[in-house]
Amino acid sequence: MADKMEKLVGTMMLRLGFEKLAEGAKTVNTAVLKQLLQANLMPLSHPFVVATLDELKDTVRFSYEAVCGIFLKIKQNVADKTMDERLELFKQYDRNNDGFISKEDLKLCLREDEYYEEDELAVVIELVMKFGDLNDDGKLNYFEFLNCMQDETM
């Protein structure tokens, strides 16, 4: 019962914010989506939020229903403590804290691990990016990182 009440209050606050920021429109842009998430206490720097927004970067407008779905998905994941270990590992690899793991981030971490020889690093990094960077933007977001973690061929 408390979960339903919390969800109802959260979506009511989202609705009020949406109506105010949309100024009568039926949809909002990415900047307004970010404002709504932040106003509802979603940490925009959390890797799950960064990855979600990265996946939505080609979407120009969002309906209220879409905003609610995004909000609830983010809220559920951010609150999910079973992901803490993988999240901490992601944060260790994300050296500049931008929500992505770049080739340079990988190089620094793998070099510190001392598992690979120096001349092997470039090959390993290229393979990780080739198979892990699903959207070919030259970096791994949190979802791509989780996918790599689950892929037994990597």
C-alpha atoms as a PDB file:
ATOM      1  CA  MET A   1       0.000   0.000   0.000  1.00  0.00           C
ATOM      2  CA  ALA A   2       2.814   2.424   0.891  1.00  0.00           C
ATOM      3  CA  ASP A   3       4.528   1.676  -2.448  1.00  0.00           C
ATOM      4  CA  LYS A   4       1.355   2.536  -4.367  1.00  0.00           C
ATOM      5  CA  MET A   5       0.935   5.761  -2.396  1.00  0.00           C
ATOM      6  CA  GLU A   6       4.572   6.745  -3.004  1.00  0.00           C
ATOM      7  CA  LYS A   7       4.183   6.002  -6.733  1.00  0.00           C
ATOM      8  CA  LEU A   8       0.968   8.046  -6.856  1.00  0.00           C
ATOM      9  CA  VAL A   9       2.530  11.048  -5.097  1.00  0.00           C
ATOM     10  CA  GLY A  10       5.615  10.824  -7.347  1.00  0.00           C
ATOM     11  CA  THR A  11       3.559  10.783 -10.533  1.00  0.00           C
ATOM     12  CA  MET A  12       1.317  13.599  -9.234  1.00  0.00           C
ATOM     13  CA  MET A  13       4.384  15.786  -8.689  1.00  0.00           C
ATOM     14  CA  LEU A  14       5.614  14.787 -12.140  1.00  0.00           C
ATOM     15  CA  ARG A  15       2.220  15.722 -13.648  1.00  0.00           C
ATOM     16  CA  LEU A  16       2.254  19.158 -12.009  1.00  0.00           C
ATOM     17  CA  GLY A  17       5.800  19.816 -13.209  1.00  0.00           C
ATOM     18  CA  PHE A  18       4.997  18.541 -16.699  1.00  0.00           C
ATOM     19  CA  GLU A  19       1.944  20.786 -17.025  1.00  0.00           C
ATOM     20  CA  LYS A  20       3.850  23.831 -15.792  1.00  0.00           C
ATOM     21  CA  LEU A  21       6.946  23.302 -17.955  1.00  0.00           C
ATOM     22  CA  ALA A  22       5.075  22.101 -21.063  1.00  0.00           C
ATOM     23  CA  GLU A  23       3.100  25.371 -21.099  1.00  0.00           C
ATOM     24  CA  GLY A  24       0.055  23.768 -22.692  1.00  0.00           C
ATOM     25  CA  ALA A  25       1.944  21.515 -25.104  1.00  0.00           C
ATOM     26  CA  LYS A  26       1.340  17.758 -25.146  1.00  0.00           C
ATOM     27  CA  THR A  27       5.067  16.939 -25.216  1.00  0.00           C
ATOM     28  CA  VAL A  28       8.333  18.240 -23.781  1.00  0.00           C
ATOM     29  CA  ASN A  29      11.915  18.216 -25.033  1.00  0.00           C
ATOM     30  CA  THR A  30      14.980  16.556 -23.480  1.00  0.00           C
ATOM     31  CA  ALA A  31      15.959  19.655 -21.490  1.00  0.00           C
ATOM     32  CA  VAL A  32      12.534  19.727 -19.823  1.00  0.00           C
ATOM     33  CA  LEU A  33      12.698  15.957 -19.235  1.00  0.00           C
ATOM     34  CA  LYS A  34      15.970  16.490 -17.366  1.00  0.00           C
ATOM     35  CA  GLN A  35      14.414  19.331 -15.339  1.00  0.00           C
ATOM     36  CA  LEU A  36      11.481  17.102 -14.391  1.00  0.00           C
ATOM     37  CA  LEU A  37      13.754  14.253 -13.357  1.00  0.00           C
ATOM     38  CA  GLN A  38      15.936  16.579 -11.303  1.00  0.00           C
ATOM     39  CA  ALA A  39      12.936  18.285  -9.674  1.00  0.00           C
ATOM     40  CA  ASN A  40      11.735  14.832  -8.636  1.00  0.00           C
ATOM     41  CA  LEU A  41      15.100  14.064  -7.015  1.00  0.00           C
ATOM     42  CA  MET A  42      16.529  11.812  -9.705  1.00  0.00           C
ATOM     43  CA  PRO A  43      20.335  12.178  -9.712  1.00  0.00           C
ATOM     44  CA  LEU A  44      21.227  13.173 -13.277  1.00  0.00           C
ATOM     45  CA  SER A  45      24.830  12.075 -12.764  1.00  0.00           C
ATOM     46  CA  HIS A  46      23.876   8.496 -11.782  1.00  0.00           C
ATOM     47  CA  PRO A  47      25.220   6.116 -14.456  1.00  0.00           C
ATOM     48  CA  PHE A  48      21.773   4.553 -14.980  1.00  0.00           C
ATOM     49  CA  VAL A  49      20.259   8.012 -15.595  1.00  0.00           C
ATOM     50  CA  VAL A  50      23.122   9.001 -17.907  1.00  0.00           C
ATOM     51  CA  ALA A  51      22.718   5.739 -19.860  1.00  0.00           C
ATOM     52  CA  THR A  52      18.937   6.140 -20.082  1.00  0.00           C
ATOM     53  CA  LEU A  53      19.274   9.688 -21.412  1.00  0.00           C
ATOM     54  CA  ASP A  54      22.016   8.522 -23.792  1.00  0.00           C
ATOM     55  CA  GLU A  55      19.663   5.910 -25.244  1.00  0.00           C
ATOM     56  CA  LEU A  56      16.973   8.564 -25.664  1.00  0.00           C
ATOM     57  CA  LYS A  57      19.261  11.146 -27.299  1.00  0.00           C
ATOM     58  CA  ASP A  58      17.588  10.743 -30.702  1.00  0.00           C
ATOM     59  CA  THR A  59      14.098  11.262 -29.265  1.00  0.00           C
ATOM     60  CA  VAL A  60      13.072  14.870 -29.737  1.00  0.00           C
ATOM     61  CA  ARG A  61       9.803  15.070 -27.758  1.00  0.00           C
ATOM     62  CA  PHE A  62       8.307  13.147 -24.825  1.00  0.00           C
ATOM     63  CA  SER A  63       4.656  12.767 -23.872  1.00  0.00           C
ATOM     64  CA  TYR A  64       3.596  12.775 -20.227  1.00  0.00           C
ATOM     65  CA  GLU A  65       3.175   8.991 -20.389  1.00  0.00           C
ATOM     66  CA  ALA A  66       6.708   8.578 -21.742  1.00  0.00           C
ATOM     67  CA  VAL A  67       8.104  10.873 -19.031  1.00  0.00           C
ATOM     68  CA  CYS A  68       6.286   8.811 -16.360  1.00  0.00           C
ATOM     69  CA  GLY A  69       7.665   5.573 -17.764  1.00  0.00           C
ATOM     70  CA  ILE A  70      11.208   6.965 -17.843  1.00  0.00           C
ATOM     71  CA  PHE A  71      10.859   8.380 -14.324  1.00  0.00           C
ATOM     72  CA  LEU A  72       9.539   5.122 -12.835  1.00  0.00           C
ATOM     73  CA  LYS A  73      12.208   3.036 -14.591  1.00  0.00           C
ATOM     74  CA  ILE A  74      14.965   5.303 -13.298  1.00  0.00           C
ATOM     75  CA  LYS A  75      13.505   5.491  -9.793  1.00  0.00           C
ATOM     76  CA  GLN A  76      13.235   1.705  -9.561  1.00  0.00           C
ATOM     77  CA  ASN A  77      16.801   1.141 -10.759  1.00  0.00           C
ATOM     78  CA  VAL A  78      18.399   3.864  -8.665  1.00  0.00           C
ATOM     79  CA  ALA A  79      16.715   2.354  -5.588  1.00  0.00           C
ATOM     80  CA  ASP A  80      17.764  -1.226  -6.531  1.00  0.00           C
ATOM     81  CA  LYS A  81      20.628  -2.064  -4.187  1.00  0.00           C
ATOM     82  CA  THR A  82      21.392  -5.378  -5.944  1.00  0.00           C
ATOM     83  CA  MET A  83      23.206  -3.386  -8.630  1.00  0.00           C
ATOM     84  CA  ASP A  84      25.591  -1.704  -6.169  1.00  0.00           C
ATOM     85  CA  GLU A  85      28.588  -3.947  -6.878  1.00  0.00           C
ATOM     86  CA  ARG A  86      28.429  -3.443 -10.636  1.00  0.00           C
ATOM     87  CA  LEU A  87      27.704   0.248 -10.187  1.00  0.00           C
ATOM     88  CA  GLU A  88      30.799   0.649  -8.027  1.00  0.00           C
ATOM     89  CA  LEU A  89      32.895  -1.175 -10.624  1.00  0.00           C
ATOM     90  CA  PHE A  90      31.491   1.086 -13.353  1.00  0.00           C
ATOM     91  CA  LYS A  91      32.371   4.150 -11.277  1.00  0.00           C
ATOM     92  CA  GLN A  92      35.927   2.851 -10.832  1.00  0.00           C
ATOM     93  CA  TYR A  93      36.342   2.612 -14.599  1.00  0.00           C
ATOM     94  CA  ASP A  94      34.629   5.961 -15.270  1.00  0.00           C
ATOM     95  CA  ARG A  95      37.702   7.977 -14.328  1.00  0.00           C
ATOM     96  CA  ASN A  96      36.392  11.433 -15.259  1.00  0.00           C
ATOM     97  CA  ASN A  97      32.914  10.825 -13.763  1.00  0.00           C
ATOM     98  CA  ASP A  98      31.058  11.746 -16.941  1.00  0.00           C
ATOM     99  CA  GLY A  99      28.807   8.672 -16.860  1.00  0.00           C
ATOM    100  CA  PHE A 100      30.733   6.875 -19.612  1.00  0.00           C
ATOM    101  CA  ILE A 101      33.798   4.664 -19.886  1.00  0.00           C
ATOM    102  CA  SER A 102      36.067   5.960 -22.630  1.00  0.00           C
ATOM    103  CA  LYS A 103      39.015   4.223 -24.262  1.00  0.00           C
ATOM    104  CA  GLU A 104      41.289   6.357 -22.086  1.00  0.00           C
ATOM    105  CA  ASP A 105      39.387   5.312 -18.944  1.00  0.00           C
ATOM    106  CA  LEU A 106      39.810   1.667 -19.941  1.00  0.00           C
ATOM    107  CA  LYS A 107      43.487   2.126 -20.672  1.00  0.00           C
ATOM    108  CA  LEU A 108      44.157   3.676 -17.255  1.00  0.00           C
ATOM    109  CA  CYS A 109      42.267   0.957 -15.377  1.00  0.00           C
ATOM    110  CA  LEU A 110      43.700  -1.963 -17.322  1.00  0.00           C
ATOM    111  CA  ARG A 111      47.189  -0.567 -16.957  1.00  0.00           C
ATOM    112  CA  GLU A 112      46.718  -0.329 -13.178  1.00  0.00           C
ATOM    113  CA  ASP A 113      45.380  -3.895 -13.015  1.00  0.00           C
ATOM    114  CA  GLU A 114      48.662  -5.073 -14.586  1.00  0.00           C
ATOM    115  CA  TYR A 115      46.880  -8.085 -16.066  1.00  0.00           C
ATOM    116  CA  TYR A 116      47.777  -7.262 -19.664  1.00  0.00           C
ATOM    117  CA  GLU A 117      51.169  -6.410 -21.100  1.00  0.00           C
ATOM    118  CA  GLU A 118      51.509  -2.850 -22.368  1.00  0.00           C
ATOM    119  CA  ASP A 119      51.527  -3.978 -26.015  1.00  0.00           C
ATOM    120  CA  GLU A 120      48.276  -5.950 -25.460  1.00  0.00           C
ATOM    121  CA  LEU A 121      46.304  -3.012 -24.059  1.00  0.00           C
ATOM    122  CA  ALA A 122      45.377  -1.436 -27.403  1.00  0.00           C
ATOM    123  CA  VAL A 123      44.080  -4.748 -28.750  1.00  0.00           C
ATOM    124  CA  VAL A 124      42.044  -5.473 -25.623  1.00  0.00           C
ATOM    125  CA  ILE A 125      40.553  -1.975 -25.597  1.00  0.00           C
ATOM    126  CA  GLU A 126      39.618  -2.171 -29.291  1.00  0.00           C
ATOM    127  CA  LEU A 127      37.925  -5.542 -28.721  1.00  0.00           C
ATOM    128  CA  VAL A 128      35.979  -4.250 -25.731  1.00  0.00           C
ATOM    129  CA  MET A 129      34.812  -1.262 -27.754  1.00  0.00           C
ATOM    130  CA  LYS A 130      34.059  -3.301 -30.865  1.00  0.00           C
ATOM    131  CA  PHE A 131      31.794  -5.710 -29.007  1.00  0.00           C
ATOM    132  CA  GLY A 132      30.661  -3.499 -26.118  1.00  0.00           C
ATOM    133  CA  ASP A 133      29.972  -0.101 -27.696  1.00  0.00           C
ATOM    134  CA  LEU A 134      26.594  -0.972 -29.159  1.00  0.00           C
ATOM    135  CA  ASN A 135      25.738   2.529 -30.358  1.00  0.00           C
ATOM    136  CA  ASP A 136      29.224   3.178 -31.822  1.00  0.00           C
ATOM    137  CA  ASP A 137      29.793   6.463 -30.006  1.00  0.00           C
ATOM    138  CA  GLY A 138      33.306   5.561 -28.846  1.00  0.00           C
ATOM    139  CA  LYS A 139      32.428   5.018 -25.196  1.00  0.00           C
ATOM    140  CA  LEU A 140      30.489   2.628 -22.971  1.00  0.00           C
ATOM    141  CA  ASN A 141      27.420   3.802 -21.121  1.00  0.00           C
ATOM    142  CA  TYR A 142      26.204   1.949 -18.029  1.00  0.00           C
ATOM    143  CA  PHE A 143      23.898  -0.348 -20.014  1.00  0.00           C
ATOM    144  CA  GLU A 144      26.661  -1.278 -22.445  1.00  0.00           C
ATOM    145  CA  PHE A 145      28.982  -1.915 -19.506  1.00  0.00           C
ATOM    146  CA  LEU A 146      26.408  -4.231 -17.872  1.00  0.00           C
ATOM    147  CA  ASN A 147      25.987  -5.997 -21.190  1.00  0.00           C
ATOM    148  CA  CYS A 148      29.773  -6.558 -21.362  1.00  0.00           C
ATOM    149  CA  MET A 149      29.720  -7.906 -17.813  1.00  0.00           C
ATOM    150  CA  GLN A 150      27.088 -10.481 -18.786  1.00  0.00           C
ATOM    151  CA  ASP A 151      28.652 -11.431 -22.117  1.00  0.00           C
ATOM    152  CA  GLU A 152      30.713 -14.574 -21.551  1.00  0.00           C
ATOM    153  CA  THR A 153      32.689 -14.036 -24.776  1.00  0.00           C
ATOM    154  CA  MET A 154      34.225 -10.802 -23.466  1.00  0.00           C
END
